[in-house]
Protein backbone atom coordinates (compact mmCIF):
# COMPACT_ATOMS: atom_id res chain seq x y z
CA MET A 1 11.76 47.93 15.28
CA ASN A 2 10.34 44.77 15.10
CA ALA A 3 10.34 42.81 18.52
CA LYS A 4 12.73 39.79 18.48
CA ALA A 5 10.15 36.71 17.21
CA PRO A 6 9.89 34.15 19.89
CA THR A 7 11.51 31.07 19.58
CA LEU A 8 11.69 27.43 21.10
CA LYS A 9 13.69 28.44 24.40
CA ASP A 10 11.22 30.96 25.22
CA ILE A 11 8.47 28.54 25.12
CA ALA A 12 10.82 26.02 26.96
CA GLU A 13 11.67 28.77 29.34
CA GLU A 14 7.93 29.38 30.45
CA VAL A 15 6.81 25.89 30.49
CA GLY A 16 9.77 24.62 32.20
CA VAL A 17 10.91 22.28 29.56
CA THR A 18 13.67 21.54 27.32
CA PRO A 19 13.29 22.79 23.87
CA MET A 20 13.49 19.35 22.75
CA THR A 21 10.62 18.78 24.33
CA VAL A 22 8.79 21.89 22.65
CA SER A 23 9.62 20.78 19.60
CA LYS A 24 8.19 17.37 20.01
CA ALA A 25 4.78 19.06 21.36
CA LEU A 26 4.99 21.42 18.38
CA ARG A 27 5.19 18.32 15.77
CA ASP A 28 2.71 16.26 18.02
CA MET A 29 5.61 13.65 18.01
CA PRO A 30 5.39 10.54 20.63
CA GLY A 31 7.09 10.83 24.31
CA VAL A 32 5.22 14.17 25.44
CA LYS A 33 2.39 13.74 28.42
CA ALA A 34 -0.84 15.46 26.81
CA SER A 35 -0.78 17.96 29.71
CA THR A 36 2.18 18.84 28.78
CA ARG A 37 1.59 18.92 25.17
CA SER A 38 -1.40 21.61 26.15
CA LYS A 39 0.76 23.89 27.63
CA VAL A 40 3.48 23.83 24.96
CA LEU A 41 0.85 24.79 22.62
CA ALA A 42 -1.16 27.69 24.89
CA VAL A 43 2.35 29.47 25.34
CA ALA A 44 3.15 29.19 21.57
CA GLU A 45 -0.20 30.75 21.02
CA LYS A 46 0.22 33.45 23.45
CA LEU A 47 3.89 34.22 22.50
CA ASN A 48 2.60 34.22 18.51
CA TYR A 49 5.31 31.64 18.14
CA ARG A 50 5.39 30.62 14.35
CA VAL A 51 7.83 28.00 12.71
CA ASN A 52 10.30 29.28 10.50
CA VAL A 53 10.03 26.50 8.06
CA GLN A 54 13.12 27.81 5.85
CA ALA A 55 15.72 28.68 8.87
CA SER A 56 14.60 24.90 10.39
CA SER A 57 15.64 23.07 6.88
CA LEU A 58 18.61 24.94 6.42
CA LYS A 59 19.94 24.30 9.91
CA SER A 60 18.94 20.32 10.09
CA GLY A 61 19.66 19.80 6.72
CA ARG A 62 15.74 18.36 6.38
CA SER A 63 12.47 19.81 5.21
CA GLY A 64 10.44 17.35 7.28
CA ILE A 65 8.26 16.47 4.56
CA ILE A 66 7.99 12.73 2.86
CA ARG A 67 6.96 11.89 -0.71
CA ILE A 68 4.18 9.36 -1.01
CA MET A 69 4.10 7.90 -4.68
CA VAL A 70 1.29 5.67 -5.86
CA ASN A 71 -0.06 4.70 -9.36
CA GLU A 72 -3.65 6.70 -8.85
CA TYR A 73 -5.71 8.04 -6.31
CA ARG A 74 -9.21 6.72 -7.44
CA LEU A 75 -9.19 2.89 -6.68
CA PRO A 76 -10.28 2.48 -3.08
CA PHE A 77 -7.11 0.68 -2.54
CA TYR A 78 -5.22 3.22 -3.07
CA SER A 79 -6.77 5.92 -0.80
CA GLN A 80 -6.86 3.70 2.27
CA LEU A 81 -2.73 3.04 1.35
CA ILE A 82 -2.45 6.57 0.87
CA ASP A 83 -4.43 6.88 4.40
CA SER A 84 -2.49 4.62 6.33
CA LEU A 85 1.00 5.75 5.30
CA SER A 86 -0.16 9.67 5.71
CA THR A 87 -1.20 8.71 9.44
CA GLU A 88 1.81 7.26 10.39
CA VAL A 89 4.19 9.79 8.53
CA ILE A 90 2.45 12.41 10.45
CA ARG A 91 2.30 10.81 13.86
CA ASN A 92 6.38 10.91 13.34
CA GLY A 93 6.15 14.58 13.25
CA LEU A 94 6.62 14.79 9.59
CA THR A 95 4.26 16.30 6.42
CA PRO A 96 3.09 13.86 3.87
CA PHE A 97 3.38 15.23 -0.14
CA LEU A 98 1.24 12.71 -2.66
CA GLN A 99 2.37 12.43 -5.97
CA LYS A 100 0.59 10.04 -8.42
CA THR A 101 2.56 8.32 -11.68
CA GLY A 102 -0.34 6.84 -13.49
CA TYR A 103 1.12 3.42 -13.99
CA SER A 104 3.58 5.25 -15.98
CA ALA A 105 6.93 4.25 -16.27
CA GLU A 106 8.40 7.22 -17.56
CA SER A 107 6.53 9.62 -15.23
CA ALA A 108 8.00 7.56 -12.55
CA ALA A 109 11.36 7.70 -13.46
CA GLU A 110 11.09 11.38 -14.33
CA ALA A 111 10.10 12.00 -10.84
CA MET A 112 13.27 10.07 -9.14
CA ARG A 113 15.35 12.10 -11.76
CA SER A 114 13.47 15.88 -11.38
CA PRO A 115 15.83 18.24 -9.55
CA TYR A 116 12.93 20.00 -8.46
CA PHE A 117 11.36 16.36 -6.80
CA SER A 118 14.63 15.76 -4.83
CA GLY A 119 17.33 17.01 -2.73
CA SER A 120 16.45 19.08 -0.15
CA MET A 121 12.43 19.34 -0.84
CA PHE A 122 11.77 15.55 0.78
CA ASP A 123 13.46 13.65 3.20
CA GLY A 124 12.47 10.59 1.74
CA THR A 125 10.19 8.97 -0.48
CA ILE A 126 7.98 5.59 0.18
CA ALA A 127 6.83 4.54 -3.20
CA HIS A 128 4.36 2.07 -4.57
CA ALA A 129 4.45 3.40 -8.42
CA SER A 130 4.92 1.28 -11.54
CA GLY A 131 8.04 1.66 -13.44
CA ILE A 132 10.51 2.82 -10.55
CA THR A 133 13.18 0.43 -10.60
CA GLU A 134 16.12 0.08 -8.29
CA PRO A 135 18.94 1.31 -10.09
CA GLU A 136 16.91 4.82 -10.73
CA ILE A 137 16.90 4.99 -6.99
CA VAL A 138 20.15 3.56 -6.19
CA LYS A 139 21.86 6.65 -8.89
CA SER A 140 19.01 9.10 -7.02
CA GLY A 141 20.90 8.78 -3.68
CA ASN A 142 17.59 9.71 -1.92
CA PRO A 143 16.60 7.84 1.41
CA THR A 144 13.92 5.44 -0.34
CA VAL A 145 11.16 2.35 0.52
CA LEU A 146 9.55 0.63 -2.19
CA LEU A 147 6.29 -1.34 -1.20
CA ASP A 148 5.60 -4.60 -3.16
CA ASP A 149 9.07 -4.52 -4.68
CA CYS A 150 9.11 -8.71 -4.97
CA LEU A 151 12.60 -9.33 -5.91
CA HIS A 152 14.42 -11.99 -3.44
CA ASN A 153 17.84 -9.95 -3.43
CA PRO A 154 16.66 -6.03 -3.41
CA THR A 155 19.18 -3.55 -2.85
CA VAL A 156 16.58 -1.16 -1.79
CA SER A 157 14.50 -1.63 1.29
CA ALA A 158 10.93 -2.90 0.86
CA VAL A 159 7.42 -3.71 2.41
CA ASN A 160 5.79 -6.25 0.57
CA TRP A 161 1.88 -7.39 0.34
CA PRO A 162 1.52 -11.10 1.31
CA ASN A 163 0.97 -11.56 -2.16
CA GLU A 164 1.77 -15.80 -2.62
CA MET A 165 0.08 -16.71 1.07
CA GLY A 166 -2.57 -14.54 0.67
CA SER A 167 -4.15 -15.68 -2.60
CA ARG A 168 -3.39 -19.54 -1.50
CA ALA A 169 -5.46 -19.02 1.49
CA GLY A 170 -8.56 -17.31 -0.90
CA VAL A 171 -8.34 -20.18 -2.82
CA GLN A 172 -8.51 -22.26 -0.22
CA HIS A 173 -11.43 -20.84 1.70
CA LEU A 174 -13.13 -21.36 -1.70
CA ILE A 175 -12.09 -25.11 -1.46
CA ASP A 176 -13.31 -25.55 2.04
CA ARG A 177 -16.69 -23.95 0.89
CA GLY A 178 -17.33 -26.91 -1.74
CA CYS A 179 -15.99 -24.79 -4.89
CA ARG A 180 -13.85 -27.44 -7.20
CA ASN A 181 -13.85 -25.59 -10.49
CA ILE A 182 -11.87 -22.06 -9.75
CA GLY A 183 -11.31 -19.50 -12.03
CA ILE A 184 -8.25 -17.20 -11.18
CA VAL A 185 -9.20 -13.56 -12.21
CA THR A 186 -5.82 -11.68 -12.85
CA THR A 187 -3.64 -9.58 -15.46
CA CYS A 188 -1.15 -12.06 -15.29
CA PRO A 189 -0.97 -14.83 -18.23
CA TYR A 190 -0.88 -18.39 -17.37
CA MET A 191 2.37 -19.69 -16.45
CA GLU A 192 3.73 -23.21 -16.13
CA VAL A 193 5.28 -23.73 -12.57
CA GLU A 194 8.89 -23.27 -14.18
CA GLU A 195 7.91 -19.87 -14.56
CA LEU A 196 6.23 -19.23 -11.73
CA MET A 197 8.83 -20.39 -9.58
CA LYS A 198 11.41 -17.35 -11.32
CA ASP A 199 11.88 -14.20 -9.74
CA HIS A 200 9.35 -11.75 -10.31
CA ALA A 201 9.52 -7.87 -9.80
CA SER A 202 5.61 -7.79 -9.66
CA ASN A 203 2.80 -9.27 -7.55
CA ASP A 204 0.53 -10.96 -10.13
CA PRO A 205 2.99 -13.88 -10.79
CA LEU A 206 3.32 -14.45 -6.93
CA ARG A 207 -0.33 -13.90 -6.39
CA LEU A 208 -0.95 -16.83 -9.00
CA ARG A 209 1.89 -19.05 -8.05
CA GLY A 210 -0.13 -18.98 -4.41
CA ALA A 211 -3.46 -20.25 -6.18
CA ARG A 212 -1.84 -22.72 -8.07
CA SER A 213 -0.30 -24.20 -5.00
CA ALA A 214 -3.55 -24.45 -3.44
CA LEU A 215 -5.43 -25.96 -6.41
CA VAL A 216 -2.81 -28.62 -7.12
CA ASP A 217 -2.73 -29.76 -3.45
CA ASN A 218 -6.16 -30.20 -3.19
CA GLY A 219 -6.02 -32.02 -6.70
CA LEU A 220 -7.99 -29.47 -8.40
CA PRO A 221 -7.09 -28.23 -12.06
CA TYR A 222 -4.70 -25.58 -13.00
CA ASP A 223 -4.74 -24.68 -16.72
CA PRO A 224 -4.71 -22.10 -18.86
CA GLU A 225 -8.77 -22.38 -18.94
CA HIS A 226 -8.62 -21.49 -15.24
CA VAL A 227 -6.56 -18.45 -15.49
CA ILE A 228 -8.88 -15.65 -16.79
CA ARG A 229 -7.07 -12.71 -17.77
CA ILE A 230 -8.01 -9.24 -18.20
CA ALA A 231 -6.70 -5.86 -19.25
CA GLY A 232 -6.79 -4.36 -15.84
CA MET A 233 -8.06 -4.60 -12.14
CA ASP A 234 -10.72 -2.17 -11.99
CA GLU A 235 -14.85 -2.68 -11.40
CA LEU A 236 -15.36 -1.94 -15.18
CA ARG A 237 -13.34 -4.93 -16.43
CA GLY A 238 -15.08 -6.88 -13.37
CA VAL A 239 -18.11 -5.83 -14.76
CA ALA A 240 -17.46 -7.02 -18.27
CA ILE A 241 -15.59 -10.39 -17.81
CA ALA A 242 -18.43 -11.10 -15.55
CA HIS A 243 -21.06 -10.41 -18.48
CA LYS A 244 -18.43 -12.39 -20.88
CA LEU A 245 -18.51 -15.46 -18.39
CA ALA A 246 -21.89 -15.75 -18.21
CA ASP A 247 -22.68 -15.27 -21.75
CA GLU A 248 -20.32 -18.43 -22.00
CA HIS A 249 -21.60 -20.06 -19.72
CA ALA A 250 -18.67 -20.55 -17.68
CA ASP A 251 -19.17 -23.43 -15.27
CA PHE A 252 -17.09 -22.44 -12.62
CA ASP A 253 -18.01 -22.11 -9.14
CA GLY A 254 -15.65 -19.77 -7.31
CA TYR A 255 -13.67 -17.28 -8.70
CA MET A 256 -10.38 -16.10 -7.04
CA CYS A 257 -10.33 -12.19 -7.62
CA MET A 258 -6.77 -10.77 -7.40
CA ASN A 259 -7.64 -7.03 -5.99
CA ASP A 260 -11.49 -6.19 -4.18
CA SER A 261 -12.57 -3.62 -7.14
CA LEU A 262 -12.22 -6.27 -9.84
CA ALA A 263 -14.06 -8.63 -7.27
CA LEU A 264 -16.56 -6.49 -6.74
CA GLY A 265 -16.99 -5.52 -10.28
CA LEU A 266 -17.65 -9.59 -11.40
CA ILE A 267 -20.84 -9.41 -8.42
CA ARG A 268 -22.11 -6.59 -10.08
CA GLY A 269 -21.59 -8.01 -14.04
CA PHE A 270 -22.80 -11.42 -12.78
CA ALA A 271 -26.17 -9.80 -11.49
CA ASP A 272 -26.98 -8.15 -14.74
CA ARG A 273 -26.76 -11.77 -16.42
CA GLY A 274 -28.70 -13.32 -13.33
CA VAL A 275 -26.05 -15.43 -12.20
CA ARG A 276 -26.35 -15.32 -8.41
CA VAL A 277 -23.67 -14.81 -6.03
CA PRO A 278 -22.77 -16.62 -3.56
CA ASP A 279 -25.40 -19.50 -5.02
CA ASP A 280 -24.40 -20.34 -8.63
CA ALA A 281 -20.71 -19.07 -7.76
CA ARG A 282 -18.83 -17.81 -4.99
CA VAL A 283 -16.33 -14.75 -5.27
CA ILE A 284 -13.11 -13.10 -2.76
CA GLY A 285 -10.98 -10.63 -3.37
CA PHE A 286 -7.64 -9.53 -1.93
CA ASP A 287 -6.80 -6.35 -0.18
CA GLY A 288 -9.34 -5.83 2.18
CA ILE A 289 -10.98 -1.99 0.96
CA ARG A 290 -13.94 -1.29 2.98
CA THR A 291 -16.42 -0.94 0.05
CA GLY A 292 -16.56 -4.55 0.27
CA GLU A 293 -18.53 -3.93 3.68
CA TYR A 294 -21.51 -2.65 2.29
CA SER A 295 -22.01 -4.68 -1.38
CA VAL A 296 -24.63 -6.66 -2.00
CA PRO A 297 -23.69 -9.63 -1.37
CA THR A 298 -20.87 -8.19 1.03
CA LEU A 299 -17.39 -9.31 -0.22
CA SER A 300 -15.14 -12.10 1.36
CA THR A 301 -11.46 -10.53 0.97
CA ILE A 302 -7.82 -11.26 1.76
CA SER A 303 -7.38 -8.17 4.16
CA VAL A 304 -3.88 -6.84 4.03
CA ASP A 305 -2.56 -5.13 7.10
CA LEU A 306 -2.01 -1.46 5.75
CA ASP A 307 -1.75 0.10 9.23
CA GLN A 308 1.47 -2.40 9.98
CA LEU A 309 2.89 -1.91 6.33
CA ALA A 310 2.42 2.07 7.01
CA GLN A 311 4.44 1.15 10.14
CA ILE A 312 7.15 -0.62 8.75
CA ALA A 313 7.24 1.44 5.85
CA VAL A 314 8.25 4.89 7.46
CA SER A 315 10.01 3.18 9.71
CA GLN A 316 12.62 1.75 7.47
CA LEU A 317 12.68 5.19 5.99
CA LEU A 318 13.51 6.82 9.18
CA ARG A 319 16.24 4.49 9.69
CA GLN A 320 18.00 5.63 6.44
CA ILE A 321 17.42 9.62 7.12
CA GLU A 322 18.69 9.45 10.18
CA ASN A 323 21.80 7.43 9.24
CA PRO A 324 23.06 9.05 5.89
CA ASP A 325 26.78 7.69 6.15
CA GLY A 326 24.92 4.28 5.35
CA ASP A 327 25.03 2.68 8.33
CA TRP A 328 21.93 0.52 7.52
CA ARG A 329 21.29 -2.55 5.56
CA PRO A 330 18.30 -3.15 2.95
CA SER A 331 15.48 -5.17 4.51
CA THR A 332 12.41 -7.02 2.62
CA THR A 333 9.34 -7.36 4.95
CA THR A 334 6.39 -9.19 4.31
CA VAL A 335 2.94 -8.31 6.34
CA GLY A 336 0.42 -9.81 7.71
CA PHE A 337 -3.50 -10.39 6.07
CA THR A 338 -6.58 -12.02 7.64
CA LEU A 339 -8.90 -13.64 5.37
CA ILE A 340 -12.50 -12.25 6.35
CA GLU A 341 -15.65 -14.39 5.57
CA ARG A 342 -18.49 -12.10 4.01
CA GLU A 343 -21.79 -13.40 2.37
CA SER A 344 -19.83 -13.44 -1.19
CA THR A 345 -18.36 -17.10 -0.04
CA ARG A 346 -21.16 -18.22 2.36
């Protein structure tokens, strides 16, 4: 006959603490002294304690797994976002599970509807994925926090980028550095002010709104010629639009790019055509990816506080998980940013 498997109570009795303290120590949760954690881990190893995940899940009704949904993994921005979110999930004693949608509305909707990816498999979802709508989330009934859901009156908790404020600060920085003919590189089409002021579910119009505000406040032109629309926001598209602008002898002396990958591509494309940054034109991006620290020239950027974003998103999600009867209200938070000036605008 097999010996009885050790329990949390067995470890707690030998260490001289409560089973709750043992549980927190084993899950690396805050609130446990380092010395106590070391003792718990040593006793657990000595007793050959192993967590029975299935039994724990059945008892608590929770899996301890948090799903993180994003559009893709390849862009540096997403790798930093995933890193911040995963770190915060783990810090709270939970396990992250990654899922990508490839910018597909159908994939995002299917992920929310699928019985395999819902129910007891995940305790909750943090989603920055195209195509997920609030009605789908409400219908699924699963605790969910959306990232960059830009609606004014959301029915689901959201944590948003500083889209309008950050873009405005970026354009103002170019103006302060002497730029007077600024191109806004974005996937968003040119919009008149009436359209810009409407409620938008995506961040592109909000960033365009912020850029426009800075231009207009400084008496500089905002018109279709100053909105440079592209089909995507990666380095290759940045290179391509830079080639096009240089070949057409565009006379912009500054560029506000709506993400850093695009800005890095723009700098590379200009170098191919002999356009010097920042001597001939200044360039600033948006996001704060680490790659910008090592480009030539290094990239000025609006650096979003992703660690703050992760802390707020996980906190909001845990509030939902721990109050399944709905004793909470949807909230919307906009995180902070830092304008980092580097060589591309000096």
